[in-house]
Amino acid sequence: MRILGIDCGSRVTGYGVIEAEGRSRRSVGFGAIRIPANKELAERLCLVADGLDEVLKRFHPDEAAIEDVFTRKNPRSAFVLAHVRGAAMLSAARAGLPVASYTPAQVKSSVVGFGNADKGQVRRMVKVLLGVQGELKPLDISDALAVAYCHANLRDAGRRGG
């Protein structure tokens, strides 16, 4: 099973693709879609969707997983992030993929063991759990791989009934 994990951001959207077979998980590919800040929102959304369309063509995932929007102190930032998330979901749905959503706490708990882990802890565990060599920068990439890893674990737990 090939899973695409997506970590949405208004300036950087990370993606990570993993292969999940039984209890085995390994990274297949990852990267970031960088969005220029000077673009209008509609154009930025197109860039995210177009970037993810290319990722889908390159890696041919079977399913997608995306992190839920979490509230921020700035409501405008949360709205922009929700739009980016919608563009990402649309891209995956147009490709015929089922799309699952997970809260940041679910993702962190699945990877690190507790829901309040910091991004550095998530990055370190993702490298170990998925056998990633080299740097995972920006953090959006390790977050996206963590979303895919979380989906693989929770999907398998659901099939086992617990």
Protein backbone atom coordinates (compact mmCIF):
# COMPACT_ATOMS: atom_id res chain seq x y z
CA MET A 1 0.00 0.00 0.00
CA ARG A 2 1.44 3.36 -1.01
CA ILE A 3 0.30 6.33 1.09
CA LEU A 4 0.70 10.05 0.40
CA GLY A 5 0.90 12.22 3.51
CA ILE A 6 0.30 15.94 3.16
CA ASP A 7 1.17 18.74 5.60
CA CYS A 8 -0.49 21.91 4.35
CA GLY A 9 1.00 25.34 4.75
CA SER A 10 0.28 28.68 3.12
CA ARG A 11 3.92 29.09 2.04
CA VAL A 12 5.21 25.50 2.12
CA THR A 13 3.18 22.33 1.71
CA GLY A 14 5.12 19.20 2.56
CA TYR A 15 4.46 15.80 1.07
CA GLY A 16 5.74 12.35 1.90
CA VAL A 17 5.05 9.01 0.30
CA ILE A 18 5.54 5.77 2.17
CA GLU A 19 5.17 2.11 1.34
CA ALA A 20 3.32 0.15 4.03
CA GLU A 21 3.36 -3.65 3.88
CA GLY A 22 2.23 -5.45 7.01
CA ARG A 23 4.10 -3.78 9.87
CA SER A 24 6.87 -2.60 7.57
CA ARG A 25 7.01 1.11 6.65
CA ARG A 26 9.54 2.83 4.43
CA SER A 27 9.87 6.19 2.77
CA VAL A 28 9.47 6.20 -1.00
CA GLY A 29 9.83 9.93 -1.61
CA PHE A 30 9.23 13.34 -0.13
CA GLY A 31 9.53 17.03 -0.82
CA ALA A 32 7.94 20.42 -0.48
CA ILE A 33 5.83 22.64 -2.67
CA ARG A 34 7.01 26.18 -2.05
CA ILE A 35 4.53 28.97 -2.67
CA PRO A 36 5.71 32.55 -3.25
CA ALA A 37 4.19 34.89 -0.66
CA ASN A 38 3.52 37.59 -3.26
CA LYS A 39 0.90 35.49 -5.08
CA GLU A 40 -2.81 35.97 -4.56
CA LEU A 41 -4.59 33.24 -2.60
CA ALA A 42 -6.34 31.74 -5.64
CA GLU A 43 -3.03 31.46 -7.49
CA ARG A 44 -1.33 29.92 -4.44
CA LEU A 45 -4.10 27.31 -4.23
CA CYS A 46 -3.58 26.44 -7.89
CA LEU A 47 0.16 26.05 -7.28
CA VAL A 48 -0.50 23.66 -4.39
CA ALA A 49 -2.98 21.59 -6.41
CA ASP A 50 -0.73 21.53 -9.48
CA GLY A 51 2.27 20.53 -7.35
CA LEU A 52 0.34 17.70 -5.73
CA ASP A 53 -0.98 16.58 -9.13
CA GLU A 54 2.67 16.11 -10.17
CA VAL A 55 3.43 14.19 -6.97
CA LEU A 56 0.44 11.91 -7.63
CA LYS A 57 1.63 11.22 -11.18
CA ARG A 58 5.18 10.51 -10.02
CA PHE A 59 4.45 8.22 -7.04
CA HIS A 60 1.02 6.69 -7.80
CA PRO A 61 -0.20 6.42 -4.19
CA ASP A 62 -3.21 4.27 -3.29
CA GLU A 63 -4.48 6.53 -0.49
CA ALA A 64 -3.87 9.99 0.91
CA ALA A 65 -3.82 11.38 4.43
CA ILE A 66 -3.83 15.00 5.48
CA GLU A 67 -3.47 16.78 8.78
CA ASP A 68 -6.52 18.59 10.13
CA VAL A 69 -6.51 22.36 10.44
CA PHE A 70 -5.76 23.39 13.97
CA THR A 71 -6.80 26.72 15.44
CA ARG A 72 -4.28 29.45 15.52
CA LYS A 73 -4.26 32.78 17.28
CA ASN A 74 -4.75 34.50 13.94
CA PRO A 75 -8.12 33.52 12.41
CA ARG A 76 -7.05 34.74 8.95
CA SER A 77 -4.12 32.30 8.98
CA ALA A 78 -6.48 29.47 9.91
CA PHE A 79 -8.79 30.36 7.02
CA VAL A 80 -5.92 30.46 4.53
CA LEU A 81 -4.65 27.13 5.82
CA ALA A 82 -8.14 25.65 5.44
CA HIS A 83 -8.20 26.79 1.80
CA VAL A 84 -4.81 25.19 1.14
CA ARG A 85 -6.04 21.99 2.76
CA GLY A 86 -9.11 22.07 0.50
CA ALA A 87 -6.92 22.40 -2.60
CA ALA A 88 -4.83 19.43 -1.43
CA MET A 89 -7.91 17.33 -0.75
CA LEU A 90 -9.34 18.23 -4.15
CA SER A 91 -6.14 17.15 -5.89
CA ALA A 92 -6.19 13.76 -4.15
CA ALA A 93 -9.93 13.28 -4.67
CA ARG A 94 -9.66 14.10 -8.39
CA ALA A 95 -7.07 11.33 -8.64
CA GLY A 96 -9.62 8.93 -7.14
CA LEU A 97 -7.83 8.49 -3.83
CA PRO A 98 -9.61 8.04 -0.53
CA VAL A 99 -8.52 10.88 1.77
CA ALA A 100 -8.22 10.45 5.54
CA SER A 101 -7.75 13.27 8.07
CA TYR A 102 -5.90 13.23 11.37
CA THR A 103 -5.44 15.76 14.13
CA PRO A 104 -1.93 16.95 14.94
CA ALA A 105 -2.17 15.10 18.29
CA GLN A 106 -3.08 11.82 16.54
CA VAL A 107 -0.12 12.18 14.19
CA LYS A 108 2.35 13.00 16.97
CA SER A 109 1.04 10.20 19.17
CA SER A 110 1.37 7.66 16.36
CA VAL A 111 4.96 8.65 15.60
CA VAL A 112 6.41 9.73 18.95
CA GLY A 113 4.07 8.13 21.47
CA PHE A 114 2.48 11.27 22.87
CA GLY A 115 0.39 14.04 21.33
CA ASN A 116 2.38 17.02 22.60
CA ALA A 117 5.68 16.15 20.93
CA ASP A 118 7.55 18.98 19.29
CA LYS A 119 8.41 19.09 15.59
CA GLY A 120 12.03 18.16 16.24
CA GLN A 121 10.99 14.97 18.02
CA VAL A 122 8.64 14.11 15.14
CA ARG A 123 11.45 14.66 12.62
CA ARG A 124 13.88 12.43 14.52
CA MET A 125 11.36 9.60 14.92
CA VAL A 126 10.25 9.79 11.28
CA LYS A 127 13.86 9.33 10.18
CA VAL A 128 14.24 6.27 12.40
CA LEU A 129 10.84 4.70 11.70
CA LEU A 130 10.98 5.17 7.92
CA GLY A 131 14.71 4.71 7.38
CA VAL A 132 15.23 8.18 5.94
CA GLN A 133 18.83 9.20 5.29
CA GLY A 134 19.86 12.84 5.16
CA GLU A 135 18.03 15.98 6.20
CA LEU A 136 14.29 16.48 6.25
CA LYS A 137 14.05 20.22 5.73
CA PRO A 138 11.78 22.06 5.99
CA LEU A 139 9.84 20.54 8.88
CA ASP A 140 6.75 20.32 6.65
CA ILE A 141 8.36 17.30 4.97
CA SER A 142 8.84 15.28 8.17
CA ASP A 143 5.34 16.30 9.24
CA ALA A 144 3.92 14.97 5.95
CA LEU A 145 5.79 11.68 6.35
CA ALA A 146 4.42 11.49 9.91
CA VAL A 147 0.87 11.93 8.58
CA ALA A 148 1.39 9.05 6.14
CA TYR A 149 2.89 6.89 8.91
CA CYS A 150 -0.05 7.69 11.20
CA HIS A 151 -2.50 6.71 8.47
CA ALA A 152 -0.75 3.40 7.87
CA ASN A 153 -0.86 2.57 11.57
CA LEU A 154 -4.45 3.65 12.22
CA ARG A 155 -5.67 2.08 8.98
CA ASP A 156 -4.09 -1.24 9.93
CA ALA A 157 -5.41 -1.00 13.52
CA GLY A 158 -8.92 -0.45 12.14
CA ARG A 159 -8.66 -3.53 9.92
CA ARG A 160 -7.53 -5.59 12.90
CA GLY A 161 -10.46 -4.28 14.91
CA GLY A 162 -8.56 -2.18 17.43
